[in-house]
Amino acid sequence: MARNELRPIVKLRSTAGTGHTYVTRKNRRNDPDRLTLRKYDPVARQHVPFREER
């Protein structure tokens, strides 16, 4: 299996509505659904959930 198929690059967008994004890779076998991570949003100046964008 090719590297890009198993670990695709995904954008994580802030749920606070600030428009801030992070870019990361995810393992499709372990996380087949949309990924949600709690990360720091510098615009909102607090930790908020970031959700995978398609």
PDB file of N, CA and C in Angstrom:
ATOM      1  N   MET A   1       0.836  -1.181   0.000  1.00  0.00           N
ATOM      2  CA  MET A   1       0.000   0.000   0.000  1.00  0.00           C
ATOM      3  C   MET A   1       0.881   1.246   0.000  1.00  0.00           C
ATOM      4  N   ALA A   2       0.515   2.217  -0.749  1.00  0.00           N
ATOM      5  CA  ALA A   2       1.312   3.440  -0.843  1.00  0.00           C
ATOM      6  C   ALA A   2       1.208   4.264   0.437  1.00  0.00           C
ATOM      7  N   ARG A   3       2.193   5.078   0.665  1.00  0.00           N
ATOM      8  CA  ARG A   3       2.235   5.878   1.886  1.00  0.00           C
ATOM      9  C   ARG A   3       1.077   6.867   1.958  1.00  0.00           C
ATOM     10  N   ASN A   4       0.727   7.481   0.844  1.00  0.00           N
ATOM     11  CA  ASN A   4      -0.326   8.485   0.866  1.00  0.00           C
ATOM     12  C   ASN A   4      -1.703   7.888   1.118  1.00  0.00           C
ATOM     13  N   GLU A   5      -1.904   6.624   0.783  1.00  0.00           N
ATOM     14  CA  GLU A   5      -3.203   5.993   1.018  1.00  0.00           C
ATOM     15  C   GLU A   5      -3.402   5.648   2.479  1.00  0.00           C
ATOM     16  N   LEU A   6      -2.343   5.214   3.146  1.00  0.00           N
ATOM     17  CA  LEU A   6      -2.472   4.789   4.532  1.00  0.00           C
ATOM     18  C   LEU A   6      -2.433   5.959   5.508  1.00  0.00           C
ATOM     19  N   ARG A   7      -1.562   6.938   5.267  1.00  0.00           N
ATOM     20  CA  ARG A   7      -1.427   8.079   6.176  1.00  0.00           C
ATOM     21  C   ARG A   7      -1.623   9.376   5.407  1.00  0.00           C
ATOM     22  N   PRO A   8      -2.864   9.734   5.107  1.00  0.00           N
ATOM     23  CA  PRO A   8      -3.096  10.957   4.340  1.00  0.00           C
ATOM     24  C   PRO A   8      -2.875  12.217   5.183  1.00  0.00           C
ATOM     25  N   ILE A   9      -2.573  13.308   4.505  1.00  0.00           N
ATOM     26  CA  ILE A   9      -2.446  14.613   5.154  1.00  0.00           C
ATOM     27  C   ILE A   9      -3.847  15.188   5.311  1.00  0.00           C
ATOM     28  N   VAL A  10      -4.194  15.634   6.520  1.00  0.00           N
ATOM     29  CA  VAL A  10      -5.517  16.191   6.790  1.00  0.00           C
ATOM     30  C   VAL A  10      -5.377  17.579   7.404  1.00  0.00           C
ATOM     31  N   LYS A  11      -6.377  18.425   7.165  1.00  0.00           N
ATOM     32  CA  LYS A  11      -6.445  19.747   7.790  1.00  0.00           C
ATOM     33  C   LYS A  11      -7.367  19.669   8.983  1.00  0.00           C
ATOM     34  N   LEU A  12      -6.956  20.281  10.089  1.00  0.00           N
ATOM     35  CA  LEU A  12      -7.785  20.368  11.278  1.00  0.00           C
ATOM     36  C   LEU A  12      -8.207  21.823  11.435  1.00  0.00           C
ATOM     37  N   ARG A  13      -9.511  22.072  11.428  1.00  0.00           N
ATOM     38  CA  ARG A  13     -10.023  23.436  11.541  1.00  0.00           C
ATOM     39  C   ARG A  13     -10.636  23.642  12.926  1.00  0.00           C
ATOM     40  N   SER A  14     -10.436  24.818  13.488  1.00  0.00           N
ATOM     41  CA  SER A  14     -10.925  25.147  14.822  1.00  0.00           C
ATOM     42  C   SER A  14     -12.449  25.172  14.850  1.00  0.00           C
ATOM     43  N   THR A  15     -13.025  24.633  15.928  1.00  0.00           N
ATOM     44  CA  THR A  15     -14.483  24.678  16.107  1.00  0.00           C
ATOM     45  C   THR A  15     -14.916  25.987  16.761  1.00  0.00           C
ATOM     46  N   ALA A  16     -13.946  26.843  17.136  1.00  0.00           N
ATOM     47  CA  ALA A  16     -14.274  28.129  17.745  1.00  0.00           C
ATOM     48  C   ALA A  16     -14.713  29.156  16.699  1.00  0.00           C
ATOM     49  N   GLY A  17     -14.568  28.819  15.419  1.00  0.00           N
ATOM     50  CA  GLY A  17     -15.000  29.726  14.363  1.00  0.00           C
ATOM     51  C   GLY A  17     -13.985  30.797  14.012  1.00  0.00           C
ATOM     52  N   THR A  18     -12.738  30.610  14.421  1.00  0.00           N
ATOM     53  CA  THR A  18     -11.721  31.617  14.136  1.00  0.00           C
ATOM     54  C   THR A  18     -11.065  31.403  12.782  1.00  0.00           C
ATOM     55  N   GLY A  19     -11.208  30.216  12.213  1.00  0.00           N
ATOM     56  CA  GLY A  19     -10.601  29.928  10.925  1.00  0.00           C
ATOM     57  C   GLY A  19      -9.180  29.423  11.010  1.00  0.00           C
ATOM     58  N   HIS A  20      -8.654  29.235  12.213  1.00  0.00           N
ATOM     59  CA  HIS A  20      -7.279  28.740  12.376  1.00  0.00           C
ATOM     60  C   HIS A  20      -7.228  27.256  12.038  1.00  0.00           C
ATOM     61  N   THR A  21      -6.170  26.812  11.347  1.00  0.00           N
ATOM     62  CA  THR A  21      -6.032  25.414  10.961  1.00  0.00           C
ATOM     63  C   THR A  21      -4.668  24.867  11.344  1.00  0.00           C
ATOM     64  N   TYR A  22      -4.618  23.569  11.570  1.00  0.00           N
ATOM     65  CA  TYR A  22      -3.390  22.807  11.735  1.00  0.00           C
ATOM     66  C   TYR A  22      -3.373  21.765  10.631  1.00  0.00           C
ATOM     67  N   VAL A  23      -2.174  21.315  10.233  1.00  0.00           N
ATOM     68  CA  VAL A  23      -2.032  20.260   9.240  1.00  0.00           C
ATOM     69  C   VAL A  23      -1.300  19.106   9.904  1.00  0.00           C
ATOM     70  N   THR A  24      -1.826  17.879   9.733  1.00  0.00           N
ATOM     71  CA  THR A  24      -1.211  16.702  10.332  1.00  0.00           C
ATOM     72  C   THR A  24      -1.481  15.493   9.461  1.00  0.00           C
ATOM     73  N   ARG A  25      -0.934  14.363   9.839  1.00  0.00           N
ATOM     74  CA  ARG A  25      -1.205  13.095   9.154  1.00  0.00           C
ATOM     75  C   ARG A  25      -1.993  12.214  10.106  1.00  0.00           C
ATOM     76  N   LYS A  26      -2.810  11.330   9.532  1.00  0.00           N
ATOM     77  CA  LYS A  26      -3.546  10.398  10.385  1.00  0.00           C
ATOM     78  C   LYS A  26      -3.436   8.997   9.807  1.00  0.00           C
ATOM     79  N   ASN A  27      -3.554   8.011  10.665  1.00  0.00           N
ATOM     80  CA  ASN A  27      -3.544   6.621  10.246  1.00  0.00           C
ATOM     81  C   ASN A  27      -4.981   6.217   9.956  1.00  0.00           C
ATOM     82  N   ARG A  28      -5.266   5.877   8.730  1.00  0.00           N
ATOM     83  CA  ARG A  28      -6.625   5.573   8.312  1.00  0.00           C
ATOM     84  C   ARG A  28      -7.152   4.276   8.929  1.00  0.00           C
ATOM     85  N   ARG A  29      -6.252   3.352   9.250  1.00  0.00           N
ATOM     86  CA  ARG A  29      -6.696   2.092   9.882  1.00  0.00           C
ATOM     87  C   ARG A  29      -7.169   2.330  11.315  1.00  0.00           C
ATOM     88  N   ASN A  30      -6.467   3.165  12.060  1.00  0.00           N
ATOM     89  CA  ASN A  30      -6.828   3.424  13.461  1.00  0.00           C
ATOM     90  C   ASN A  30      -7.948   4.452  13.592  1.00  0.00           C
ATOM     91  N   ASP A  31      -8.019   5.421  12.678  1.00  0.00           N
ATOM     92  CA  ASP A  31      -9.009   6.501  12.746  1.00  0.00           C
ATOM     93  C   ASP A  31      -9.749   6.625  11.416  1.00  0.00           C
ATOM     94  N   PRO A  32     -10.670   5.710  11.120  1.00  0.00           N
ATOM     95  CA  PRO A  32     -11.378   5.805   9.838  1.00  0.00           C
ATOM     96  C   PRO A  32     -12.363   6.971   9.790  1.00  0.00           C
ATOM     97  N   ASP A  33     -12.857   7.407  10.944  1.00  0.00           N
ATOM     98  CA  ASP A  33     -13.798   8.531  11.002  1.00  0.00           C
ATOM     99  C   ASP A  33     -13.037   9.846  11.038  1.00  0.00           C
ATOM    100  N   ARG A  34     -13.776  10.931  11.092  1.00  0.00           N
ATOM    101  CA  ARG A  34     -13.122  12.241  11.173  1.00  0.00           C
ATOM    102  C   ARG A  34     -12.387  12.388  12.492  1.00  0.00           C
ATOM    103  N   LEU A  35     -11.191  12.924  12.408  1.00  0.00           N
ATOM    104  CA  LEU A  35     -10.320  13.073  13.565  1.00  0.00           C
ATOM    105  C   LEU A  35     -10.676  14.358  14.319  1.00  0.00           C
ATOM    106  N   THR A  36     -10.714  14.286  15.654  1.00  0.00           N
ATOM    107  CA  THR A  36     -10.942  15.462  16.494  1.00  0.00           C
ATOM    108  C   THR A  36      -9.852  15.505  17.548  1.00  0.00           C
ATOM    109  N   LEU A  37      -9.097  16.599  17.571  1.00  0.00           N
ATOM    110  CA  LEU A  37      -8.033  16.783  18.555  1.00  0.00           C
ATOM    111  C   LEU A  37      -8.236  18.107  19.278  1.00  0.00           C
ATOM    112  N   ARG A  38      -7.892  18.137  20.559  1.00  0.00           N
ATOM    113  CA  ARG A  38      -7.987  19.357  21.341  1.00  0.00           C
ATOM    114  C   ARG A  38      -6.632  20.045  21.287  1.00  0.00           C
ATOM    115  N   LYS A  39      -6.582  21.203  20.608  1.00  0.00           N
ATOM    116  CA  LYS A  39      -5.330  21.922  20.406  1.00  0.00           C
ATOM    117  C   LYS A  39      -5.513  23.402  20.739  1.00  0.00           C
ATOM    118  N   TYR A  40      -4.402  24.121  20.789  1.00  0.00           N
ATOM    119  CA  TYR A  40      -4.428  25.536  21.137  1.00  0.00           C
ATOM    120  C   TYR A  40      -4.790  26.383  19.923  1.00  0.00           C
ATOM    121  N   ASP A  41      -5.741  27.284  20.090  1.00  0.00           N
ATOM    122  CA  ASP A  41      -6.126  28.235  19.048  1.00  0.00           C
ATOM    123  C   ASP A  41      -5.579  29.601  19.448  1.00  0.00           C
ATOM    124  N   PRO A  42      -4.552  30.107  18.754  1.00  0.00           N
ATOM    125  CA  PRO A  42      -3.946  31.382  19.148  1.00  0.00           C
ATOM    126  C   PRO A  42      -4.862  32.579  18.946  1.00  0.00           C
ATOM    127  N   VAL A  43      -5.844  32.476  18.061  1.00  0.00           N
ATOM    128  CA  VAL A  43      -6.777  33.586  17.856  1.00  0.00           C
ATOM    129  C   VAL A  43      -7.736  33.680  19.035  1.00  0.00           C
ATOM    130  N   ALA A  44      -8.279  32.533  19.476  1.00  0.00           N
ATOM    131  CA  ALA A  44      -9.188  32.504  20.622  1.00  0.00           C
ATOM    132  C   ALA A  44      -8.431  32.498  21.945  1.00  0.00           C
ATOM    133  N   ARG A  45      -7.130  32.228  21.892  1.00  0.00           N
ATOM    134  CA  ARG A  45      -6.245  32.152  23.057  1.00  0.00           C
ATOM    135  C   ARG A  45      -6.722  31.146  24.103  1.00  0.00           C
ATOM    136  N   GLN A  46      -7.131  29.977  23.621  1.00  0.00           N
ATOM    137  CA  GLN A  46      -7.506  28.886  24.515  1.00  0.00           C
ATOM    138  C   GLN A  46      -7.468  27.566  23.754  1.00  0.00           C
ATOM    139  N   HIS A  47      -7.525  26.464  24.481  1.00  0.00           N
ATOM    140  CA  HIS A  47      -7.564  25.154  23.860  1.00  0.00           C
ATOM    141  C   HIS A  47      -9.000  24.839  23.465  1.00  0.00           C
ATOM    142  N   VAL A  48      -9.181  24.460  22.217  1.00  0.00           N
ATOM    143  CA  VAL A  48     -10.508  24.122  21.693  1.00  0.00           C
ATOM    144  C   VAL A  48     -10.389  22.864  20.830  1.00  0.00           C
ATOM    145  N   PRO A  49     -11.491  22.152  20.603  1.00  0.00           N
ATOM    146  CA  PRO A  49     -11.438  20.989  19.708  1.00  0.00           C
ATOM    147  C   PRO A  49     -11.236  21.428  18.258  1.00  0.00           C
ATOM    148  N   PHE A  50     -10.350  20.747  17.571  1.00  0.00           N
ATOM    149  CA  PHE A  50     -10.117  20.954  16.135  1.00  0.00           C
ATOM    150  C   PHE A  50     -10.624  19.712  15.435  1.00  0.00           C
ATOM    151  N   ARG A  51     -11.423  19.888  14.382  1.00  0.00           N
ATOM    152  CA  ARG A  51     -12.044  18.782  13.679  1.00  0.00           C
ATOM    153  C   ARG A  51     -11.480  18.661  12.271  1.00  0.00           C
ATOM    154  N   GLU A  52     -11.368  17.425  11.813  1.00  0.00           N
ATOM    155  CA  GLU A  52     -10.849  17.172  10.473  1.00  0.00           C
ATOM    156  C   GLU A  52     -11.781  17.755   9.412  1.00  0.00           C
ATOM    157  N   GLU A  53     -11.160  18.383   8.431  1.00  0.00           N
ATOM    158  CA  GLU A  53     -11.906  19.020   7.341  1.00  0.00           C
ATOM    159  C   GLU A  53     -11.714  18.189   6.085  1.00  0.00           C
ATOM    160  N   ARG A  54     -12.768  18.053   5.284  1.00  0.00           N
ATOM    161  CA  ARG A  54     -12.647  17.260   4.047  1.00  0.00           C
ATOM    162  C   ARG A  54     -12.756  18.128   2.839  1.00  0.00           C
TER     163      ARG A  54
END
